[in-house]
C-alpha atoms as a PDB file:
ATOM      1  CA  MET A   1     -82.337  -8.621  27.943  1.00  0.00           C
ATOM      2  CA  LEU A   2     -83.898 -10.902  30.568  1.00  0.00           C
ATOM      3  CA  ALA A   3     -87.133 -12.857  30.172  1.00  0.00           C
ATOM      4  CA  ASP A   4     -89.004 -10.629  32.645  1.00  0.00           C
ATOM      5  CA  GLN A   5     -87.875  -7.516  30.772  1.00  0.00           C
ATOM      6  CA  ILE A   6     -89.131  -8.947  27.479  1.00  0.00           C
ATOM      7  CA  ILE A   7     -92.470  -9.870  29.060  1.00  0.00           C
ATOM      8  CA  HIS A   8     -92.770  -6.373  30.534  1.00  0.00           C
ATOM      9  CA  SER A   9     -92.026  -4.795  27.142  1.00  0.00           C
ATOM     10  CA  ILE A  10     -94.612  -7.028  25.470  1.00  0.00           C
ATOM     11  CA  GLY A  11     -97.185  -5.960  28.055  1.00  0.00           C
ATOM     12  CA  GLU A  12     -96.493  -2.332  27.145  1.00  0.00           C
ATOM     13  CA  GLY A  13     -96.977  -3.102  23.462  1.00  0.00           C
ATOM     14  CA  LYS A  14     -93.263  -2.916  22.614  1.00  0.00           C
ATOM     15  CA  ILE A  15     -93.068  -6.103  20.570  1.00  0.00           C
ATOM     16  CA  GLY A  16     -90.087  -7.054  18.447  1.00  0.00           C
ATOM     17  CA  PRO A  17     -90.478  -8.544  14.958  1.00  0.00           C
ATOM     18  CA  PHE A  18     -88.235 -11.505  15.825  1.00  0.00           C
ATOM     19  CA  TYR A  19     -87.429 -13.585  18.911  1.00  0.00           C
ATOM     20  CA  PHE A  20     -85.106 -16.565  19.199  1.00  0.00           C
ATOM     21  CA  LEU A  21     -85.769 -18.303  22.519  1.00  0.00           C
ATOM     22  CA  TYR A  22     -83.221 -21.004  23.257  1.00  0.00           C
ATOM     23  CA  GLY A  23     -82.096 -23.024  26.249  1.00  0.00           C
ATOM     24  CA  ALA A  24     -83.199 -25.820  28.543  1.00  0.00           C
ATOM     25  CA  GLU A  25     -85.587 -23.777  30.721  1.00  0.00           C
ATOM     26  CA  SER A  26     -88.894 -24.107  28.885  1.00  0.00           C
ATOM     27  CA  PHE A  27     -90.744 -22.034  31.507  1.00  0.00           C
ATOM     28  CA  TYR A  28     -89.346 -18.760  30.168  1.00  0.00           C
ATOM     29  CA  ARG A  29     -90.198 -19.668  26.571  1.00  0.00           C
ATOM     30  CA  LEU A  30     -93.755 -20.517  27.532  1.00  0.00           C
ATOM     31  CA  GLU A  31     -94.136 -17.295  29.527  1.00  0.00           C
ATOM     32  CA  ILE A  32     -92.965 -15.127  26.623  1.00  0.00           C
ATOM     33  CA  ILE A  33     -95.135 -16.932  24.081  1.00  0.00           C
ATOM     34  CA  ARG A  34     -98.100 -16.687  26.458  1.00  0.00           C
ATOM     35  CA  ALA A  35     -97.515 -12.931  26.790  1.00  0.00           C
ATOM     36  CA  LEU A  36     -97.377 -12.533  23.002  1.00  0.00           C
ATOM     37  CA  ASN A  37    -100.566 -14.543  22.580  1.00  0.00           C
ATOM     38  CA  HIS A  38    -102.325 -12.438  25.200  1.00  0.00           C
ATOM     39  CA  LYS A  39    -101.240  -9.177  23.590  1.00  0.00           C
ATOM     40  CA  LEU A  40    -101.669  -9.999  19.905  1.00  0.00           C
ATOM     41  CA  ILE A  41    -104.271 -12.721  19.538  1.00  0.00           C
ATOM     42  CA  THR A  42    -108.017 -12.459  20.109  1.00  0.00           C
ATOM     43  CA  PRO A  43    -110.867 -14.897  19.442  1.00  0.00           C
ATOM     44  CA  ASP A  44    -111.733 -12.837  16.352  1.00  0.00           C
ATOM     45  CA  ASN A  45    -108.284 -12.891  14.731  1.00  0.00           C
ATOM     46  CA  ARG A  46    -106.890 -16.226  15.991  1.00  0.00           C
ATOM     47  CA  ASP A  47    -107.625 -18.123  12.771  1.00  0.00           C
ATOM     48  CA  PHE A  48    -105.862 -15.479  10.684  1.00  0.00           C
ATOM     49  CA  ASN A  49    -103.116 -13.996  12.859  1.00  0.00           C
ATOM     50  CA  LEU A  50    -101.673 -17.032  14.639  1.00  0.00           C
ATOM     51  CA  GLU A  51     -99.651 -19.759  12.921  1.00  0.00           C
ATOM     52  CA  ASN A  52     -97.765 -22.576  14.658  1.00  0.00           C
ATOM     53  CA  PHE A  53     -95.075 -24.770  13.120  1.00  0.00           C
ATOM     54  CA  GLU A  54     -92.944 -27.680  14.282  1.00  0.00           C
ATOM     55  CA  ALA A  55     -89.509 -27.063  12.763  1.00  0.00           C
ATOM     56  CA  ARG A  56     -88.980 -30.698  11.738  1.00  0.00           C
ATOM     57  CA  GLU A  57     -92.349 -30.846   9.940  1.00  0.00           C
ATOM     58  CA  SER A  58     -92.085 -27.567   8.027  1.00  0.00           C
ATOM     59  CA  SER A  59     -89.646 -25.470   6.035  1.00  0.00           C
ATOM     60  CA  VAL A  60     -88.023 -22.068   6.279  1.00  0.00           C
ATOM     61  CA  GLY A  61     -90.180 -21.092   3.306  1.00  0.00           C
ATOM     62  CA  ASP A  62     -93.305 -21.935   5.316  1.00  0.00           C
ATOM     63  CA  TRP A  63     -92.204 -19.753   8.239  1.00  0.00           C
ATOM     64  CA  ILE A  64     -91.189 -16.768   6.151  1.00  0.00           C
ATOM     65  CA  GLY A  65     -94.275 -17.087   3.949  1.00  0.00           C
ATOM     66  CA  ALA A  66     -96.511 -17.032   7.015  1.00  0.00           C
ATOM     67  CA  ALA A  67     -94.661 -14.037   8.453  1.00  0.00           C
ATOM     68  CA  LYS A  68     -95.020 -12.130   5.185  1.00  0.00           C
ATOM     69  CA  THR A  69     -98.726 -12.864   4.788  1.00  0.00           C
ATOM     70  CA  LEU A  70    -100.865  -9.848   5.608  1.00  0.00           C
ATOM     71  CA  SER A  71    -102.400  -9.855   9.067  1.00  0.00           C
ATOM     72  CA  PHE A  72    -106.135  -9.615   9.693  1.00  0.00           C
ATOM     73  CA  LEU A  73    -107.644  -6.156  10.235  1.00  0.00           C
ATOM     74  CA  GLY A  74    -104.244  -4.524  10.586  1.00  0.00           C
ATOM     75  CA  GLY A  75    -103.160  -6.448  13.688  1.00  0.00           C
ATOM     76  CA  MET A  76     -99.695  -7.909  14.203  1.00  0.00           C
ATOM     77  CA  LYS A  77     -99.366 -11.533  13.113  1.00  0.00           C
ATOM     78  CA  LEU A  78     -97.749 -14.108  15.424  1.00  0.00           C
ATOM     79  CA  VAL A  79     -95.775 -16.965  13.841  1.00  0.00           C
ATOM     80  CA  ILE A  80     -94.288 -19.559  16.211  1.00  0.00           C
ATOM     81  CA  VAL A  81     -91.710 -22.156  15.135  1.00  0.00           C
ATOM     82  CA  ARG A  82     -90.909 -24.707  17.832  1.00  0.00           C
ATOM     83  CA  ASN A  83     -87.943 -27.044  18.353  1.00  0.00           C
ATOM     84  CA  LEU A  84     -85.424 -25.796  15.817  1.00  0.00           C
ATOM     85  CA  HIS A  85     -82.864 -28.176  17.361  1.00  0.00           C
ATOM     86  CA  GLU A  86     -84.812 -31.154  15.990  1.00  0.00           C
ATOM     87  CA  THR A  87     -84.124 -30.353  12.336  1.00  0.00           C
ATOM     88  CA  THR A  88     -81.292 -29.595   9.936  1.00  0.00           C
ATOM     89  CA  ILE A  89     -81.551 -26.606   7.609  1.00  0.00           C
ATOM     90  CA  GLU A  90     -79.769 -26.480   4.271  1.00  0.00           C
ATOM     91  CA  ASP A  91     -77.361 -23.614   3.627  1.00  0.00           C
ATOM     92  CA  SER A  92     -79.659 -22.073   1.008  1.00  0.00           C
ATOM     93  CA  ASP A  93     -82.556 -22.002   3.483  1.00  0.00           C
ATOM     94  CA  GLN A  94     -80.316 -20.658   6.231  1.00  0.00           C
ATOM     95  CA  LYS A  95     -79.453 -17.770   3.931  1.00  0.00           C
ATOM     96  CA  LYS A  96     -83.170 -17.042   3.391  1.00  0.00           C
ATOM     97  CA  LEU A  97     -83.766 -17.074   7.132  1.00  0.00           C
ATOM     98  CA  PHE A  98     -80.798 -14.785   7.824  1.00  0.00           C
ATOM     99  CA  GLU A  99     -82.013 -12.340   5.182  1.00  0.00           C
ATOM    100  CA  TYR A 100     -85.491 -12.233   6.701  1.00  0.00           C
ATOM    101  CA  VAL A 101     -84.213 -11.845  10.263  1.00  0.00           C
ATOM    102  CA  ALA A 102     -81.943  -8.994   9.150  1.00  0.00           C
ATOM    103  CA  ASP A 103     -84.933  -7.150   7.682  1.00  0.00           C
ATOM    104  CA  PRO A 104     -88.121  -8.627   9.200  1.00  0.00           C
ATOM    105  CA  GLY A 105     -91.632  -7.517   8.410  1.00  0.00           C
ATOM    106  CA  LEU A 106     -92.927  -5.064  10.997  1.00  0.00           C
ATOM    107  CA  ASP A 107     -96.476  -6.441  10.765  1.00  0.00           C
ATOM    108  CA  SER A 108     -95.421  -9.863  12.053  1.00  0.00           C
ATOM    109  CA  CYS A 109     -93.676 -11.352  15.060  1.00  0.00           C
ATOM    110  CA  LEU A 110     -91.661 -14.483  14.235  1.00  0.00           C
ATOM    111  CA  VAL A 111     -90.714 -16.594  17.260  1.00  0.00           C
ATOM    112  CA  ILE A 112     -88.310 -19.533  16.944  1.00  0.00           C
ATOM    113  CA  THR A 113     -87.516 -21.834  19.882  1.00  0.00           C
ATOM    114  CA  ALA A 114     -84.792 -24.401  20.517  1.00  0.00           C
ATOM    115  CA  ASP A 115     -83.967 -26.492  23.574  1.00  0.00           C
ATOM    116  CA  LYS A 116     -80.259 -26.419  22.790  1.00  0.00           C
ATOM    117  CA  VAL A 117     -77.886 -24.713  20.385  1.00  0.00           C
ATOM    118  CA  ASP A 118     -74.434 -25.411  18.991  1.00  0.00           C
ATOM    119  CA  ARG A 119     -72.803 -22.004  18.684  1.00  0.00           C
ATOM    120  CA  LYS A 120     -70.148 -23.460  16.396  1.00  0.00           C
ATOM    121  CA  ARG A 121     -72.775 -23.949  13.709  1.00  0.00           C
ATOM    122  CA  LYS A 122     -73.463 -20.983  11.442  1.00  0.00           C
ATOM    123  CA  LEU A 123     -77.223 -21.168  12.002  1.00  0.00           C
ATOM    124  CA  TYR A 124     -77.056 -20.762  15.764  1.00  0.00           C
ATOM    125  CA  LYS A 125     -74.072 -18.432  15.688  1.00  0.00           C
ATOM    126  CA  ASN A 126     -76.218 -16.025  13.674  1.00  0.00           C
ATOM    127  CA  LEU A 127     -79.518 -16.407  15.532  1.00  0.00           C
ATOM    128  CA  THR A 128     -78.038 -16.110  19.032  1.00  0.00           C
ATOM    129  CA  THR A 129     -76.535 -12.717  18.164  1.00  0.00           C
ATOM    130  CA  GLN A 130     -79.844 -11.199  17.048  1.00  0.00           C
ATOM    131  CA  GLN A 131     -81.475  -8.476  19.131  1.00  0.00           C
ATOM    132  CA  GLY A 132     -84.443 -10.713  19.943  1.00  0.00           C
ATOM    133  CA  ALA A 133     -82.335 -13.674  21.099  1.00  0.00           C
ATOM    134  CA  LEU A 134     -82.799 -14.840  24.692  1.00  0.00           C
ATOM    135  CA  SER A 135     -80.920 -17.588  26.501  1.00  0.00           C
ATOM    136  CA  CYS A 136     -83.583 -19.398  28.540  1.00  0.00           C
ATOM    137  CA  GLU A 137     -81.510 -20.835  31.354  1.00  0.00           C
ATOM    138  CA  ALA A 138     -82.397 -20.980  35.026  1.00  0.00           C
ATOM    139  CA  PRO A 139     -80.484 -18.312  36.967  1.00  0.00           C
ATOM    140  CA  GLN A 140     -78.357 -19.067  40.005  1.00  0.00           C
ATOM    141  CA  GLU A 141     -80.292 -19.400  43.250  1.00  0.00           C
ATOM    142  CA  ALA A 142     -79.160 -15.938  44.402  1.00  0.00           C
ATOM    143  CA  GLY A 143     -80.735 -14.425  41.291  1.00  0.00           C
ATOM    144  CA  LEU A 144     -83.908 -16.402  41.878  1.00  0.00           C
ATOM    145  CA  LEU A 145     -84.480 -14.633  45.205  1.00  0.00           C
ATOM    146  CA  THR A 146     -84.952 -11.336  43.391  1.00  0.00           C
ATOM    147  CA  TRP A 147     -86.921 -13.034  40.613  1.00  0.00           C
ATOM    148  CA  VAL A 148     -89.468 -14.749  42.856  1.00  0.00           C
ATOM    149  CA  LYS A 149     -89.970 -11.605  44.995  1.00  0.00           C
ATOM    150  CA  HIS A 150     -90.505  -9.509  41.870  1.00  0.00           C
ATOM    151  CA  ARG A 151     -92.960 -12.086  40.510  1.00  0.00           C
ATOM    152  CA  ALA A 152     -94.968 -12.004  43.739  1.00  0.00           C
ATOM    153  CA  ARG A 153     -94.983  -8.193  43.654  1.00  0.00           C
ATOM    154  CA  SER A 154     -96.290  -8.223  40.079  1.00  0.00           C
ATOM    155  CA  PHE A 155     -99.373 -10.074  41.379  1.00  0.00           C
ATOM    156  CA  GLY A 156     -99.815  -7.630  44.263  1.00  0.00           C
ATOM    157  CA  TYR A 157     -98.245  -9.791  46.989  1.00  0.00           C
ATOM    158  CA  ASP A 158     -95.397  -9.077  49.373  1.00  0.00           C
ATOM    159  CA  LEU A 159     -93.083 -12.085  49.643  1.00  0.00           C
ATOM    160  CA  SER A 160     -90.779 -11.567  52.614  1.00  0.00           C
ATOM    161  CA  SER A 161     -87.036 -12.091  52.178  1.00  0.00           C
ATOM    162  CA  GLY A 162     -87.155 -15.036  54.574  1.00  0.00           C
ATOM    163  CA  ALA A 163     -90.033 -16.589  52.638  1.00  0.00           C
ATOM    164  CA  ALA A 164     -88.176 -16.133  49.353  1.00  0.00           C
ATOM    165  CA  ARG A 165     -85.021 -17.750  50.766  1.00  0.00           C
ATOM    166  CA  LYS A 166     -86.962 -20.703  52.132  1.00  0.00           C
ATOM    167  CA  MET A 167     -88.884 -21.201  48.883  1.00  0.00           C
ATOM    168  CA  VAL A 168     -85.776 -21.064  46.695  1.00  0.00           C
ATOM    169  CA  GLY A 169     -83.823 -23.140  49.201  1.00  0.00           C
ATOM    170  CA  ARG A 170     -86.414 -25.907  49.109  1.00  0.00           C
ATOM    171  CA  ILE A 171     -87.143 -25.873  45.374  1.00  0.00           C
ATOM    172  CA  GLY A 172     -83.795 -24.914  43.855  1.00  0.00           C
ATOM    173  CA  ALA A 173     -83.167 -23.389  40.434  1.00  0.00           C
ATOM    174  CA  LYS A 174     -86.466 -24.483  38.882  1.00  0.00           C
ATOM    175  CA  PRO A 175     -88.414 -21.353  37.851  1.00  0.00           C
ATOM    176  CA  GLY A 176     -91.432 -23.287  36.579  1.00  0.00           C
ATOM    177  CA  ILE A 177     -91.932 -25.136  39.869  1.00  0.00           C
ATOM    178  CA  LEU A 178     -91.189 -21.979  41.857  1.00  0.00           C
ATOM    179  CA  ALA A 179     -93.935 -20.165  39.949  1.00  0.00           C
ATOM    180  CA  LYS A 180     -96.451 -22.924  40.777  1.00  0.00           C
ATOM    181  CA  GLU A 181     -95.477 -22.966  44.455  1.00  0.00           C
ATOM    182  CA  LEU A 182     -95.760 -19.176  44.562  1.00  0.00           C
ATOM    183  CA  GLU A 183     -99.291 -19.431  43.134  1.00  0.00           C
ATOM    184  CA  LYS A 184    -100.136 -21.875  45.908  1.00  0.00           C
ATOM    185  CA  ALA A 185     -98.735 -19.504  48.537  1.00  0.00           C
ATOM    186  CA  MET A 186    -100.637 -16.525  47.092  1.00  0.00           C
ATOM    187  CA  ALA A 187    -103.894 -18.481  47.158  1.00  0.00           C
ATOM    188  CA  TYR A 188    -103.210 -19.419  50.787  1.00  0.00           C
ATOM    189  CA  ALA A 189    -102.385 -15.824  51.768  1.00  0.00           C
ATOM    190  CA  GLY A 190    -105.603 -14.587  50.186  1.00  0.00           C
ATOM    191  CA  ARG A 191    -106.526 -10.983  50.893  1.00  0.00           C
ATOM    192  CA  GLU A 192    -103.667 -10.494  53.344  1.00  0.00           C
ATOM    193  CA  ASN A 193    -101.396 -10.094  50.314  1.00  0.00           C
ATOM    194  CA  LYS A 194     -98.400 -11.004  52.461  1.00  0.00           C
ATOM    195  CA  ILE A 195     -96.516 -14.290  52.274  1.00  0.00           C
ATOM    196  CA  THR A 196     -94.434 -15.132  55.328  1.00  0.00           C
ATOM    197  CA  GLU A 197     -91.637 -17.605  55.914  1.00  0.00           C
ATOM    198  CA  SER A 198     -93.884 -19.737  58.121  1.00  0.00           C
ATOM    199  CA  MET A 199     -96.476 -19.977  55.324  1.00  0.00           C
ATOM    200  CA  VAL A 200     -93.833 -21.219  52.917  1.00  0.00           C
ATOM    201  CA  GLY A 201     -92.609 -23.676  55.541  1.00  0.00           C
ATOM    202  CA  ASP A 202     -96.121 -25.116  55.844  1.00  0.00           C
ATOM    203  CA  LEU A 203     -96.897 -25.198  52.114  1.00  0.00           C
ATOM    204  CA  VAL A 204     -93.692 -25.932  50.208  1.00  0.00           C
ATOM    205  CA  GLY A 205     -92.011 -29.312  50.454  1.00  0.00           C
ATOM    206  CA  ASP A 206     -88.223 -29.647  50.357  1.00  0.00           C
ATOM    207  CA  MET A 207     -87.613 -30.957  46.855  1.00  0.00           C
ATOM    208  CA  LYS A 208     -83.861 -31.198  47.420  1.00  0.00           C
ATOM    209  CA  VAL A 209     -84.334 -33.581  50.340  1.00  0.00           C
ATOM    210  CA  GLU A 210     -87.023 -35.516  48.463  1.00  0.00           C
ATOM    211  CA  ASN A 211     -84.801 -35.847  45.394  1.00  0.00           C
ATOM    212  CA  ALA A 212     -81.845 -36.968  47.501  1.00  0.00           C
ATOM    213  CA  PHE A 213     -84.070 -39.539  49.238  1.00  0.00           C
ATOM    214  CA  SER A 214     -85.407 -40.794  45.896  1.00  0.00           C
ATOM    215  CA  LEU A 215     -81.875 -41.134  44.548  1.00  0.00           C
ATOM    216  CA  THR A 216     -80.751 -43.043  47.651  1.00  0.00           C
ATOM    217  CA  GLU A 217     -83.725 -45.385  47.406  1.00  0.00           C
ATOM    218  CA  ALA A 218     -83.116 -45.936  43.689  1.00  0.00           C
ATOM    219  CA  LEU A 219     -79.477 -46.822  44.344  1.00  0.00           C
ATOM    220  CA  LYS A 220     -80.499 -49.214  47.115  1.00  0.00           C
ATOM    221  CA  GLU A 221     -83.008 -50.883  44.798  1.00  0.00           C
ATOM    222  CA  LYS A 222     -80.398 -51.171  42.046  1.00  0.00           C
ATOM    223  CA  LYS A 223     -77.908 -52.813  44.435  1.00  0.00           C
ATOM    224  CA  GLN A 224     -80.622 -55.188  45.660  1.00  0.00           C
ATOM    225  CA  ARG A 225     -81.399 -56.265  42.074  1.00  0.00           C
ATOM    226  CA  ARG A 226     -77.711 -56.917  41.470  1.00  0.00           C
ATOM    227  CA  ARG A 227     -77.527 -59.102  44.586  1.00  0.00           C
ATOM    228  CA  CYS A 228     -80.562 -61.069  43.416  1.00  0.00           C
ATOM    229  CA  CYS A 229     -78.986 -61.599  40.006  1.00  0.00           C
ATOM    230  CA  CYS A 230     -75.746 -62.783  41.583  1.00  0.00           C
ATOM    231  CA  CYS A 231     -77.640 -65.233  43.807  1.00  0.00           C
ATOM    232  CA  LYS A 232     -79.461 -66.678  40.791  1.00  0.00           C
ATOM    233  CA  ILE A 233     -76.187 -67.116  38.904  1.00  0.00           C
ATOM    234  CA  ASN A 234     -74.564 -68.854  41.878  1.00  0.00           C
END
């Protein structure tokens, strides 16, 4: 399942009891967690139904205990464990986690995140095969064309194919930055609800060119420092 599909399901109230969100693209993780917060948490139940943990500062027992604690007023509890890759879990605790994930409580939603995983390790081999596991990696640029057009449509805007190509071509495979640039374009389009290629050309800078220029300048500066060092030595 893709990130957008999970977010759509959450919006319809179809929320799984467990999600493992892993990969380098933090934008997707943040979007899914934001959707869960919006759907499950209110000002009235926040203190009771939302618990956040840093994996390195807590234990598997803490996470499972929180997930098993009764929610407030019958709502679904949200338990978020961030940065699993920053800690090591003993075999006995891994077993407890596997047992919970295999038969999770239906009154809670346990979300675990990790920037990277080693599929050779038993922990990640198990978690990445779960139904709620999602690899959060940026898609290829061709896939981003469909993604950014669909995202614009979800906000009620028509992003032309030319505009989508120009936006993705200038930004690259960076969904988080693409989302921000799309917001800028939607604000510019206003009530017209149509984003054209010329609008994108005026609003969105070419990050690929800028990055290449920055790299060239950095290399020049590095070479210049080396020359200065050599002159001092001589």
